[in-house]
Amino acid sequence: MLPDQVTIYGKRYQAKFANWHILHQSALNHVILWQVTASFCPLQAACANHRQQTAFNLPLVIKTLLPTASTLSQTQLSHEIGMLQTCQQFAICALAENKSEASRKLVTKQAGVAQLLFYDTTPNATCGGFLAMPCYAAPNLLQLIGEQSLNFAQSLTIAHQLCQTLNALHDLNLLHGDVKPSNILYAPDHQQLIVLDFALAQNLPPAHSQVLPPSMTTAGTPAYMAPEQFMGATPSRAQENYSVGAMLFELFTNTRPFTAATIRNWAYAHQNSPLPDIKARIETRFANDTTFNAQQADLLGKFIGSLLAKHPDNRQNLLGITQIFA
């Protein structure tokens, strides 16, 4: 079920994969995640006039569709590839504008989006299409939150990078569509954050639009969805800012702002339940942390609270996080 051909920058290549194992398999949408265990993945050009060997000297993860995948799943894969390409074009443009090596490293780090290495959307007998990304040697935030291994200062760094990355996407008129801890990787040693899974990403609709384009749907993870999302509101920056607020609440308190067991109950909680005392929960979470700063915690509590405002017009911009570091 591994792809036997790939497309890299518009050219067809023959792939020679070995030592792969399954990371995750979803029967619902016929998706399999594969990871190469070797650190070298050669790709030999199939074209007679382009026979040089191309190599990626890093572990890879390939997201493949089974050949039995539905047309909808294939459309979603193509959509995710397109969104990643848009993000990558943004990073490339930024690199072109910043010639120095220091600037290149800075922009690459701040881009914070998973890199698309190669892909193919053409179904064949063994594969319904695929995309490949680096296998980042970093845990996701869901794991880090569960381990309670992050101190206050590290959590602030994550919050700052996440807000900057998503705000940059919003400035490109892109919404990630499913902001949650499991979609965010963070390597504490390198202080680098990577946003994953653009399957639900979408372009922002025109201002004041009341009609969703055909590709836009109301989707996400209920624990992090904005109140108006449950009523089918037009996707917006404010909705995604709310999702960020819910995730930051969990990052700094080790609990979600609300709990529920059904979609109906999640909708009610987000729309009607008052927020817990955020500052008090942050203080409790980091009571014995030497990096804790009470003044920053106070500003952080207000910032997260503003992101979790019930009405979208009352939610702060993500760059409001910079006031915590002033």
C-alpha atoms as a PDB file:
ATOM      1  CA  MET A   1       0.000   0.000   0.000  1.00  0.00           C
ATOM      2  CA  LEU A   2       3.018   2.294  -0.204  1.00  0.00           C
ATOM      3  CA  PRO A   3       3.215   4.678  -3.177  1.00  0.00           C
ATOM      4  CA  ASP A   4       5.550   3.530  -5.943  1.00  0.00           C
ATOM      5  CA  GLN A   5       5.818   6.918  -7.644  1.00  0.00           C
ATOM      6  CA  VAL A   6       5.928  10.458  -6.342  1.00  0.00           C
ATOM      7  CA  THR A   7       5.896  13.995  -7.708  1.00  0.00           C
ATOM      8  CA  ILE A   8       8.602  16.397  -6.544  1.00  0.00           C
ATOM      9  CA  TYR A   9       8.428  19.959  -7.812  1.00  0.00           C
ATOM     10  CA  GLY A  10       6.444  18.832 -10.832  1.00  0.00           C
ATOM     11  CA  LYS A  11       8.708  15.893 -11.821  1.00  0.00           C
ATOM     12  CA  ARG A  12       7.814  12.201 -11.607  1.00  0.00           C
ATOM     13  CA  TYR A  13      10.059   9.997  -9.487  1.00  0.00           C
ATOM     14  CA  GLN A  14      10.285   6.309  -8.728  1.00  0.00           C
ATOM     15  CA  ALA A  15      10.286   5.700  -4.982  1.00  0.00           C
ATOM     16  CA  LYS A  16      12.316   3.001  -3.258  1.00  0.00           C
ATOM     17  CA  PHE A  17      11.051   2.661   0.291  1.00  0.00           C
ATOM     18  CA  ALA A  18      12.193   0.209   2.951  1.00  0.00           C
ATOM     19  CA  ASN A  19      11.788  -0.369   6.671  1.00  0.00           C
ATOM     20  CA  TRP A  20       8.372   1.240   7.019  1.00  0.00           C
ATOM     21  CA  HIS A  21       5.872   0.693   9.794  1.00  0.00           C
ATOM     22  CA  ILE A  22       2.368   1.944  10.503  1.00  0.00           C
ATOM     23  CA  LEU A  23       2.026   4.860  12.921  1.00  0.00           C
ATOM     24  CA  HIS A  24      -1.737   5.156  12.695  1.00  0.00           C
ATOM     25  CA  GLN A  25      -4.586   3.754  10.630  1.00  0.00           C
ATOM     26  CA  SER A  26      -8.057   5.234  10.343  1.00  0.00           C
ATOM     27  CA  ALA A  27     -10.799   3.029   8.933  1.00  0.00           C
ATOM     28  CA  LEU A  28     -13.168   5.994   8.831  1.00  0.00           C
ATOM     29  CA  ASN A  29     -11.416   7.905   6.057  1.00  0.00           C
ATOM     30  CA  HIS A  30      -9.068   5.162   4.809  1.00  0.00           C
ATOM     31  CA  VAL A  31      -5.907   6.973   5.897  1.00  0.00           C
ATOM     32  CA  ILE A  32      -2.676   5.283   6.967  1.00  0.00           C
ATOM     33  CA  LEU A  33       0.328   7.097   8.427  1.00  0.00           C
ATOM     34  CA  TRP A  34       3.639   5.391   7.689  1.00  0.00           C
ATOM     35  CA  GLN A  35       7.012   6.207   9.213  1.00  0.00           C
ATOM     36  CA  VAL A  36      10.379   5.265   7.749  1.00  0.00           C
ATOM     37  CA  THR A  37      12.697   3.827  10.387  1.00  0.00           C
ATOM     38  CA  ALA A  38      15.855   4.439   8.383  1.00  0.00           C
ATOM     39  CA  SER A  39      17.300   7.948   8.222  1.00  0.00           C
ATOM     40  CA  PHE A  40      17.803   7.890   4.455  1.00  0.00           C
ATOM     41  CA  CYS A  41      15.064   7.707   1.854  1.00  0.00           C
ATOM     42  CA  PRO A  42      16.366   7.658  -1.757  1.00  0.00           C
ATOM     43  CA  LEU A  43      14.163   8.782  -4.611  1.00  0.00           C
ATOM     44  CA  GLN A  44      15.381   7.839  -8.089  1.00  0.00           C
ATOM     45  CA  ALA A  45      14.164   9.928 -11.012  1.00  0.00           C
ATOM     46  CA  ALA A  46      11.969   7.985 -13.414  1.00  0.00           C
ATOM     47  CA  CYS A  47      12.462  10.416 -16.314  1.00  0.00           C
ATOM     48  CA  ALA A  48      15.244   9.530 -18.796  1.00  0.00           C
ATOM     49  CA  ASN A  49      16.375  13.144 -18.951  1.00  0.00           C
ATOM     50  CA  HIS A  50      16.388  13.566 -15.186  1.00  0.00           C
ATOM     51  CA  ARG A  51      18.206  10.596 -13.700  1.00  0.00           C
ATOM     52  CA  GLN A  52      20.142  12.168 -10.874  1.00  0.00           C
ATOM     53  CA  GLN A  53      19.301  10.785  -7.457  1.00  0.00           C
ATOM     54  CA  THR A  54      17.488  12.968  -4.979  1.00  0.00           C
ATOM     55  CA  ALA A  55      17.731  12.156  -1.292  1.00  0.00           C
ATOM     56  CA  PHE A  56      16.089  13.400   1.884  1.00  0.00           C
ATOM     57  CA  ASN A  57      18.470  12.794   4.769  1.00  0.00           C
ATOM     58  CA  LEU A  58      15.812  12.645   7.442  1.00  0.00           C
ATOM     59  CA  PRO A  59      13.095  10.284   8.674  1.00  0.00           C
ATOM     60  CA  LEU A  60       9.787  10.714   6.880  1.00  0.00           C
ATOM     61  CA  VAL A  61       6.103  10.306   7.586  1.00  0.00           C
ATOM     62  CA  ILE A  62       3.855   9.522   4.637  1.00  0.00           C
ATOM     63  CA  LYS A  63       0.102   9.898   4.828  1.00  0.00           C
ATOM     64  CA  THR A  64      -1.473   7.519   2.315  1.00  0.00           C
ATOM     65  CA  LEU A  65      -5.017   6.786   1.252  1.00  0.00           C
ATOM     66  CA  LEU A  66      -6.098   3.222   0.642  1.00  0.00           C
ATOM     67  CA  PRO A  67      -7.055   2.519  -2.982  1.00  0.00           C
ATOM     68  CA  THR A  68     -10.631   2.055  -1.697  1.00  0.00           C
ATOM     69  CA  ALA A  69     -10.749   5.602  -0.297  1.00  0.00           C
ATOM     70  CA  SER A  70     -13.814   7.630  -1.197  1.00  0.00           C
ATOM     71  CA  THR A  71     -13.827  10.572  -3.569  1.00  0.00           C
ATOM     72  CA  LEU A  72     -14.386  12.799  -0.532  1.00  0.00           C
ATOM     73  CA  SER A  73     -11.219  11.485   1.149  1.00  0.00           C
ATOM     74  CA  GLN A  74      -9.245  12.058  -2.047  1.00  0.00           C
ATOM     75  CA  THR A  75     -10.615  15.587  -2.275  1.00  0.00           C
ATOM     76  CA  GLN A  76      -9.635  16.244   1.341  1.00  0.00           C
ATOM     77  CA  LEU A  77      -6.092  14.995   0.702  1.00  0.00           C
ATOM     78  CA  SER A  78      -5.742  17.266  -2.340  1.00  0.00           C
ATOM     79  CA  HIS A  79      -7.109  20.108  -0.254  1.00  0.00           C
ATOM     80  CA  GLU A  80      -4.578  19.496   2.525  1.00  0.00           C
ATOM     81  CA  ILE A  81      -1.735  19.411  -0.005  1.00  0.00           C
ATOM     82  CA  GLY A  82      -2.907  22.706  -1.493  1.00  0.00           C
ATOM     83  CA  MET A  83      -3.047  24.357   1.917  1.00  0.00           C
ATOM     84  CA  LEU A  84       0.447  23.148   2.822  1.00  0.00           C
ATOM     85  CA  GLN A  85       1.738  24.441  -0.518  1.00  0.00           C
ATOM     86  CA  THR A  86       0.258  27.849   0.225  1.00  0.00           C
ATOM     87  CA  CYS A  87       1.946  27.894   3.635  1.00  0.00           C
ATOM     88  CA  GLN A  88       5.219  26.818   2.054  1.00  0.00           C
ATOM     89  CA  GLN A  89       5.002  29.550  -0.586  1.00  0.00           C
ATOM     90  CA  PHE A  90       4.622  32.044   2.236  1.00  0.00           C
ATOM     91  CA  ALA A  91       7.785  30.712   3.888  1.00  0.00           C
ATOM     92  CA  ILE A  92       9.680  30.768   0.570  1.00  0.00           C
ATOM     93  CA  CYS A  93       8.605  34.368  -0.097  1.00  0.00           C
ATOM     94  CA  ALA A  94       9.750  35.328   3.380  1.00  0.00           C
ATOM     95  CA  LEU A  95      13.110  33.668   2.759  1.00  0.00           C
ATOM     96  CA  ALA A  96      13.527  35.520  -0.533  1.00  0.00           C
ATOM     97  CA  GLU A  97      12.998  38.818   1.259  1.00  0.00           C
ATOM     98  CA  ASN A  98      15.508  37.927   3.988  1.00  0.00           C
ATOM     99  CA  LYS A  99      18.779  37.067   2.290  1.00  0.00           C
ATOM    100  CA  SER A 100      21.029  36.640   5.295  1.00  0.00           C
ATOM    101  CA  GLU A 101      21.541  33.189   6.795  1.00  0.00           C
ATOM    102  CA  ALA A 102      20.428  34.452  10.204  1.00  0.00           C
ATOM    103  CA  SER A 103      17.187  35.788   8.719  1.00  0.00           C
ATOM    104  CA  ARG A 104      16.618  32.544   6.850  1.00  0.00           C
ATOM    105  CA  LYS A 105      16.891  30.527  10.038  1.00  0.00           C
ATOM    106  CA  LEU A 106      14.637  32.946  11.871  1.00  0.00           C
ATOM    107  CA  VAL A 107      11.922  32.924   9.210  1.00  0.00           C
ATOM    108  CA  THR A 108      12.063  29.138   8.837  1.00  0.00           C
ATOM    109  CA  LYS A 109      11.703  28.696  12.581  1.00  0.00           C
ATOM    110  CA  GLN A 110       8.893  31.214  12.884  1.00  0.00           C
ATOM    111  CA  ALA A 111       6.949  29.754   9.968  1.00  0.00           C
ATOM    112  CA  GLY A 112       6.060  26.891  12.318  1.00  0.00           C
ATOM    113  CA  VAL A 113       4.174  24.831   9.730  1.00  0.00           C
ATOM    114  CA  ALA A 114       4.831  21.213   8.750  1.00  0.00           C
ATOM    115  CA  GLN A 115       6.865  21.019   5.542  1.00  0.00           C
ATOM    116  CA  LEU A 116       5.424  19.270   2.485  1.00  0.00           C
ATOM    117  CA  LEU A 117       8.265  17.297   0.866  1.00  0.00           C
ATOM    118  CA  PHE A 118       6.487  15.419  -1.910  1.00  0.00           C
ATOM    119  CA  TYR A 119       3.047  14.135  -2.839  1.00  0.00           C
ATOM    120  CA  ASP A 120       0.906  12.450  -5.450  1.00  0.00           C
ATOM    121  CA  THR A 121      -2.861  12.639  -5.769  1.00  0.00           C
ATOM    122  CA  THR A 122      -3.152  10.105  -8.610  1.00  0.00           C
ATOM    123  CA  PRO A 123      -4.775   6.871  -7.370  1.00  0.00           C
ATOM    124  CA  ASN A 124      -3.328   3.521  -8.430  1.00  0.00           C
ATOM    125  CA  ALA A 125      -3.849  -0.133  -7.543  1.00  0.00           C
ATOM    126  CA  THR A 126      -1.964   0.132  -4.238  1.00  0.00           C
ATOM    127  CA  CYS A 127      -2.462   3.722  -3.120  1.00  0.00           C
ATOM    128  CA  GLY A 128      -5.225   6.304  -3.349  1.00  0.00           C
ATOM    129  CA  GLY A 129      -2.817   9.250  -3.108  1.00  0.00           C
ATOM    130  CA  PHE A 130      -0.348  10.449  -0.492  1.00  0.00           C
ATOM    131  CA  LEU A 131       1.699  13.278   0.953  1.00  0.00           C
ATOM    132  CA  ALA A 132       5.055  13.116   2.732  1.00  0.00           C
ATOM    133  CA  MET A 133       6.463  15.275   5.517  1.00  0.00           C
ATOM    134  CA  PRO A 134       9.517  15.145   7.765  1.00  0.00           C
ATOM    135  CA  CYS A 135       9.137  12.988  10.849  1.00  0.00           C
ATOM    136  CA  TYR A 136       9.690  15.647  13.484  1.00  0.00           C
ATOM    137  CA  ALA A 137      11.442  14.307  16.572  1.00  0.00           C
ATOM    138  CA  ALA A 138       9.120  16.099  18.954  1.00  0.00           C
ATOM    139  CA  PRO A 139       6.118  15.188  21.112  1.00  0.00           C
ATOM    140  CA  ASN A 140       2.765  16.865  20.618  1.00  0.00           C
ATOM    141  CA  LEU A 141       1.291  19.207  23.196  1.00  0.00           C
ATOM    142  CA  LEU A 142      -1.297  16.652  24.279  1.00  0.00           C
ATOM    143  CA  GLN A 143       1.553  14.417  25.436  1.00  0.00           C
ATOM    144  CA  LEU A 144       3.452  17.261  27.101  1.00  0.00           C
ATOM    145  CA  ILE A 145       0.345  18.495  28.911  1.00  0.00           C
ATOM    146  CA  GLY A 146      -0.401  14.972  30.131  1.00  0.00           C
ATOM    147  CA  GLU A 147       3.142  14.571  31.427  1.00  0.00           C
ATOM    148  CA  GLN A 148       3.035  17.992  33.139  1.00  0.00           C
ATOM    149  CA  SER A 149       6.643  18.367  32.017  1.00  0.00           C
ATOM    150  CA  LEU A 150       6.482  21.999  30.882  1.00  0.00           C
ATOM    151  CA  ASN A 151       7.326  24.826  33.246  1.00  0.00           C
ATOM    152  CA  PHE A 152       5.703  28.258  33.129  1.00  0.00           C
ATOM    153  CA  ALA A 153       8.425  29.835  30.984  1.00  0.00           C
ATOM    154  CA  GLN A 154       8.315  27.002  28.437  1.00  0.00           C
ATOM    155  CA  SER A 155       4.536  27.236  28.247  1.00  0.00           C
ATOM    156  CA  LEU A 156       4.795  30.968  27.572  1.00  0.00           C
ATOM    157  CA  THR A 157       7.259  30.315  24.745  1.00  0.00           C
ATOM    158  CA  ILE A 158       4.846  27.819  23.197  1.00  0.00           C
ATOM    159  CA  ALA A 159       1.923  30.229  23.515  1.00  0.00           C
ATOM    160  CA  HIS A 160       3.918  33.038  21.915  1.00  0.00           C
ATOM    161  CA  GLN A 161       5.098  30.907  18.964  1.00  0.00           C
ATOM    162  CA  LEU A 162       1.637  29.441  18.401  1.00  0.00           C
ATOM    163  CA  CYS A 163      -0.072  32.837  18.369  1.00  0.00           C
ATOM    164  CA  GLN A 164       2.525  34.273  15.995  1.00  0.00           C
ATOM    165  CA  THR A 165       2.310  31.299  13.624  1.00  0.00           C
ATOM    166  CA  LEU A 166      -1.485  31.230  13.446  1.00  0.00           C
ATOM    167  CA  ASN A 167      -1.701  35.005  13.148  1.00  0.00           C
ATOM    168  CA  ALA A 168       0.671  34.787  10.153  1.00  0.00           C
ATOM    169  CA  LEU A 169      -1.632  32.183   8.579  1.00  0.00           C
ATOM    170  CA  HIS A 170      -4.631  34.412   9.237  1.00  0.00           C
ATOM    171  CA  ASP A 171      -2.845  37.283   7.500  1.00  0.00           C
ATOM    172  CA  LEU A 172      -2.650  34.971   4.470  1.00  0.00           C
ATOM    173  CA  ASN A 173      -6.440  34.500   4.758  1.00  0.00           C
ATOM    174  CA  LEU A 174      -5.943  30.912   5.931  1.00  0.00           C
ATOM    175  CA  LEU A 175      -7.591  29.156   8.856  1.00  0.00           C
ATOM    176  CA  HIS A 176      -6.089  25.955  10.234  1.00  0.00           C
ATOM    177  CA  GLY A 177      -9.554  24.678  11.107  1.00  0.00           C
ATOM    178  CA  ASP A 178      -8.668  22.249  13.894  1.00  0.00           C
ATOM    179  CA  VAL A 179      -6.429  23.894  16.500  1.00  0.00           C
ATOM    180  CA  LYS A 180      -5.895  21.478  19.391  1.00  0.00           C
ATOM    181  CA  PRO A 181      -2.943  20.102  21.409  1.00  0.00           C
ATOM    182  CA  SER A 182      -2.522  16.913  19.362  1.00  0.00           C
ATOM    183  CA  ASN A 183      -1.979  18.992  16.202  1.00  0.00           C
ATOM    184  CA  ILE A 184       0.900  20.983  17.704  1.00  0.00           C
ATOM    185  CA  LEU A 185       4.405  19.541  18.023  1.00  0.00           C
ATOM    186  CA  TYR A 186       6.951  21.141  20.321  1.00  0.00           C
ATOM    187  CA  ALA A 187      10.604  20.267  20.873  1.00  0.00           C
ATOM    188  CA  PRO A 188      11.585  21.741  24.270  1.00  0.00           C
ATOM    189  CA  ASP A 189      15.315  21.317  23.577  1.00  0.00           C
ATOM    190  CA  HIS A 190      15.124  23.429  20.411  1.00  0.00           C
ATOM    191  CA  GLN A 191      12.179  25.599  21.469  1.00  0.00           C
ATOM    192  CA  GLN A 192      10.586  24.925  18.090  1.00  0.00           C
ATOM    193  CA  LEU A 193       6.865  24.598  17.443  1.00  0.00           C
ATOM    194  CA  ILE A 194       5.310  22.902  14.399  1.00  0.00           C
ATOM    195  CA  VAL A 195       1.628  23.048  13.409  1.00  0.00           C
ATOM    196  CA  LEU A 196       0.355  19.818  11.822  1.00  0.00           C
ATOM    197  CA  ASP A 197      -2.727  18.454  10.047  1.00  0.00           C
ATOM    198  CA  PHE A 198      -4.177  20.904   7.549  1.00  0.00           C
ATOM    199  CA  ALA A 199      -6.965  18.533   6.481  1.00  0.00           C
ATOM    200  CA  LEU A 200      -9.623  21.005   7.710  1.00  0.00           C
ATOM    201  CA  ALA A 201      -7.748  24.174   6.721  1.00  0.00           C
ATOM    202  CA  GLN A 202      -9.615  26.639   4.562  1.00  0.00           C
ATOM    203  CA  ASN A 203      -9.438  30.075   3.041  1.00  0.00           C
ATOM    204  CA  LEU A 204     -11.189  32.843   4.885  1.00  0.00           C
ATOM    205  CA  PRO A 205     -14.390  33.966   3.143  1.00  0.00           C
ATOM    206  CA  PRO A 206     -14.724  37.562   1.915  1.00  0.00           C
ATOM    207  CA  ALA A 207     -15.529  40.128   4.592  1.00  0.00           C
ATOM    208  CA  HIS A 208     -19.183  40.134   5.684  1.00  0.00           C
ATOM    209  CA  SER A 209     -19.900  37.056   3.560  1.00  0.00           C
ATOM    210  CA  GLN A 210     -23.009  35.201   4.691  1.00  0.00           C
ATOM    211  CA  VAL A 211     -22.663  32.306   2.245  1.00  0.00           C
ATOM    212  CA  LEU A 212     -19.952  29.671   2.596  1.00  0.00           C
ATOM    213  CA  PRO A 213     -18.013  28.670  -0.524  1.00  0.00           C
ATOM    214  CA  PRO A 214     -18.619  24.996  -1.439  1.00  0.00           C
ATOM    215  CA  SER A 215     -15.248  23.907   0.033  1.00  0.00           C
ATOM    216  CA  MET A 216     -15.950  25.432   3.443  1.00  0.00           C
ATOM    217  CA  THR A 217     -17.633  23.420   6.155  1.00  0.00           C
ATOM    218  CA  THR A 218     -18.290  23.752   9.854  1.00  0.00           C
ATOM    219  CA  ALA A 219     -15.870  21.249  11.351  1.00  0.00           C
ATOM    220  CA  GLY A 220     -13.400  20.882  14.165  1.00  0.00           C
ATOM    221  CA  THR A 221     -12.988  19.245  17.562  1.00  0.00           C
ATOM    222  CA  PRO A 222     -15.908  20.123  19.908  1.00  0.00           C
ATOM    223  CA  ALA A 223     -13.732  20.782  22.967  1.00  0.00           C
ATOM    224  CA  TYR A 224     -12.042  23.648  21.092  1.00  0.00           C
ATOM    225  CA  MET A 225     -14.839  24.976  18.878  1.00  0.00           C
ATOM    226  CA  ALA A 226     -16.210  28.493  19.257  1.00  0.00           C
ATOM    227  CA  PRO A 227     -19.829  28.966  20.398  1.00  0.00           C
ATOM    228  CA  GLU A 228     -20.966  30.243  16.997  1.00  0.00           C
ATOM    229  CA  GLN A 229     -19.406  27.279  15.164  1.00  0.00           C
ATOM    230  CA  PHE A 230     -22.072  24.994  16.595  1.00  0.00           C
ATOM    231  CA  MET A 231     -24.672  27.192  14.891  1.00  0.00           C
ATOM    232  CA  GLY A 232     -22.994  27.026  11.472  1.00  0.00           C
ATOM    233  CA  ALA A 233     -21.534  30.533  11.493  1.00  0.00           C
ATOM    234  CA  THR A 234     -19.215  31.610   8.695  1.00  0.00           C
ATOM    235  CA  PRO A 235     -15.597  30.646   9.574  1.00  0.00           C
ATOM    236  CA  SER A 236     -13.539  33.558  10.872  1.00  0.00           C
ATOM    237  CA  ARG A 237     -10.323  34.547  12.604  1.00  0.00           C
ATOM    238  CA  ALA A 238     -12.357  35.095  15.758  1.00  0.00           C
ATOM    239  CA  GLN A 239     -13.474  31.445  15.721  1.00  0.00           C
ATOM    240  CA  GLU A 240      -9.903  30.213  15.460  1.00  0.00           C
ATOM    241  CA  ASN A 241      -8.796  32.662  18.149  1.00  0.00           C
ATOM    242  CA  TYR A 242     -11.354  31.041  20.457  1.00  0.00           C
ATOM    243  CA  SER A 243      -9.872  27.614  19.680  1.00  0.00           C
ATOM    244  CA  VAL A 244      -6.435  28.971  20.552  1.00  0.00           C
ATOM    245  CA  GLY A 245      -7.850  30.303  23.819  1.00  0.00           C
ATOM    246  CA  ALA A 246      -9.290  26.898  24.729  1.00  0.00           C
ATOM    247  CA  MET A 247      -5.977  25.245  23.942  1.00  0.00           C
ATOM    248  CA  LEU A 248      -3.950  27.801  25.923  1.00  0.00           C
ATOM    249  CA  PHE A 249      -6.311  27.338  28.874  1.00  0.00           C
ATOM    250  CA  GLU A 250      -5.484  23.623  28.789  1.00  0.00           C
ATOM    251  CA  LEU A 251      -1.758  24.271  28.326  1.00  0.00           C
ATOM    252  CA  PHE A 252      -1.528  26.507  31.398  1.00  0.00           C
ATOM    253  CA  THR A 253      -3.989  24.728  33.712  1.00  0.00           C
ATOM    254  CA  ASN A 254      -3.824  21.066  32.634  1.00  0.00           C
ATOM    255  CA  THR A 255      -7.616  21.085  32.297  1.00  0.00           C
ATOM    256  CA  ARG A 256     -10.046  22.151  29.596  1.00  0.00           C
ATOM    257  CA  PRO A 257     -12.229  25.196  30.252  1.00  0.00           C
ATOM    258  CA  PHE A 258     -15.334  23.011  29.879  1.00  0.00           C
ATOM    259  CA  THR A 259     -16.152  19.300  29.868  1.00  0.00           C
ATOM    260  CA  ALA A 260     -18.969  17.497  28.077  1.00  0.00           C
ATOM    261  CA  ALA A 261     -19.849  14.081  26.694  1.00  0.00           C
ATOM    262  CA  THR A 262     -21.950  14.926  23.631  1.00  0.00           C
ATOM    263  CA  ILE A 263     -21.918  17.498  20.836  1.00  0.00           C
ATOM    264  CA  ARG A 264     -25.097  19.046  22.253  1.00  0.00           C
ATOM    265  CA  ASN A 265     -23.512  19.400  25.694  1.00  0.00           C
ATOM    266  CA  TRP A 266     -20.304  20.834  24.241  1.00  0.00           C
ATOM    267  CA  ALA A 267     -22.344  23.424  22.378  1.00  0.00           C
ATOM    268  CA  TYR A 268     -24.231  24.382  25.540  1.00  0.00           C
ATOM    269  CA  ALA A 269     -21.024  24.663  27.577  1.00  0.00           C
ATOM    270  CA  HIS A 270     -19.237  26.888  25.075  1.00  0.00           C
ATOM    271  CA  GLN A 271     -22.306  29.047  24.543  1.00  0.00           C
ATOM    272  CA  ASN A 272     -23.548  29.401  28.126  1.00  0.00           C
ATOM    273  CA  SER A 273     -21.168  28.190  30.843  1.00  0.00           C
ATOM    274  CA  PRO A 274     -19.074  30.857  32.613  1.00  0.00           C
ATOM    275  CA  LEU A 275     -15.307  30.549  32.496  1.00  0.00           C
ATOM    276  CA  PRO A 276     -13.478  29.287  35.587  1.00  0.00           C
ATOM    277  CA  ASP A 277     -11.029  31.638  37.309  1.00  0.00           C
ATOM    278  CA  ILE A 278      -8.141  31.326  34.854  1.00  0.00           C
ATOM    279  CA  LYS A 279      -5.531  33.176  36.894  1.00  0.00           C
ATOM    280  CA  ALA A 280      -6.247  31.091  40.013  1.00  0.00           C
ATOM    281  CA  ARG A 281      -5.908  27.859  38.063  1.00  0.00           C
ATOM    282  CA  ILE A 282      -2.623  28.997  36.516  1.00  0.00           C
ATOM    283  CA  GLU A 283      -1.276  29.885  39.965  1.00  0.00           C
ATOM    284  CA  THR A 284      -2.292  26.459  41.283  1.00  0.00           C
ATOM    285  CA  ARG A 285      -0.752  24.652  38.314  1.00  0.00           C
ATOM    286  CA  PHE A 286       2.632  26.406  38.687  1.00  0.00           C
ATOM    287  CA  ALA A 287       2.649  26.869  42.478  1.00  0.00           C
ATOM    288  CA  ASN A 288       6.114  25.321  42.897  1.00  0.00           C
ATOM    289  CA  ASP A 289       7.589  26.513  39.598  1.00  0.00           C
ATOM    290  CA  THR A 290      10.666  28.741  39.904  1.00  0.00           C
ATOM    291  CA  THR A 291       9.986  30.259  36.457  1.00  0.00           C
ATOM    292  CA  PHE A 292       6.503  31.431  37.475  1.00  0.00           C
ATOM    293  CA  ASN A 293       5.862  35.174  37.179  1.00  0.00           C
ATOM    294  CA  ALA A 294       2.710  36.497  38.891  1.00  0.00           C
ATOM    295  CA  GLN A 295       2.480  39.629  36.748  1.00  0.00           C
ATOM    296  CA  GLN A 296       2.737  37.617  33.538  1.00  0.00           C
ATOM    297  CA  ALA A 297       0.187  35.134  34.886  1.00  0.00           C
ATOM    298  CA  ASP A 298      -2.259  37.976  35.517  1.00  0.00           C
ATOM    299  CA  LEU A 299      -1.848  39.315  31.963  1.00  0.00           C
ATOM    300  CA  LEU A 300      -2.023  35.801  30.567  1.00  0.00           C
ATOM    301  CA  GLY A 301      -5.281  35.076  32.374  1.00  0.00           C
ATOM    302  CA  LYS A 302      -6.838  38.225  30.914  1.00  0.00           C
ATOM    303  CA  PHE A 303      -5.548  37.383  27.430  1.00  0.00           C
ATOM    304  CA  ILE A 304      -6.913  33.828  27.473  1.00  0.00           C
ATOM    305  CA  GLY A 305     -10.190  35.099  28.908  1.00  0.00           C
ATOM    306  CA  SER A 306     -10.535  37.581  26.046  1.00  0.00           C
ATOM    307  CA  LEU A 307      -9.922  34.834  23.476  1.00  0.00           C
ATOM    308  CA  LEU A 308     -12.671  32.776  25.114  1.00  0.00           C
ATOM    309  CA  ALA A 309     -15.258  35.553  24.992  1.00  0.00           C
ATOM    310  CA  LYS A 310     -18.690  34.201  24.035  1.00  0.00           C
ATOM    311  CA  HIS A 311     -19.225  36.855  21.346  1.00  0.00           C
ATOM    312  CA  PRO A 312     -16.674  36.917  18.506  1.00  0.00           C
ATOM    313  CA  ASP A 313     -16.532  40.728  18.470  1.00  0.00           C
ATOM    314  CA  ASN A 314     -15.152  40.678  22.022  1.00  0.00           C
ATOM    315  CA  ARG A 315     -12.196  38.414  21.266  1.00  0.00           C
ATOM    316  CA  GLN A 316      -8.709  39.839  21.197  1.00  0.00           C
ATOM    317  CA  ASN A 317      -6.239  39.530  18.322  1.00  0.00           C
ATOM    318  CA  LEU A 318      -3.667  36.763  18.787  1.00  0.00           C
ATOM    319  CA  LEU A 319      -0.826  39.280  18.767  1.00  0.00           C
ATOM    320  CA  GLY A 320      -2.239  40.581  22.034  1.00  0.00           C
ATOM    321  CA  ILE A 321       0.015  37.994  23.638  1.00  0.00           C
ATOM    322  CA  THR A 322       2.979  40.324  23.082  1.00  0.00           C
ATOM    323  CA  GLN A 323       1.756  42.530  25.950  1.00  0.00           C
ATOM    324  CA  ILE A 324       2.721  39.730  28.349  1.00  0.00           C
ATOM    325  CA  PHE A 325       6.362  40.147  27.361  1.00  0.00           C
ATOM    326  CA  ALA A 326       6.405  43.962  27.386  1.00  0.00           C
END
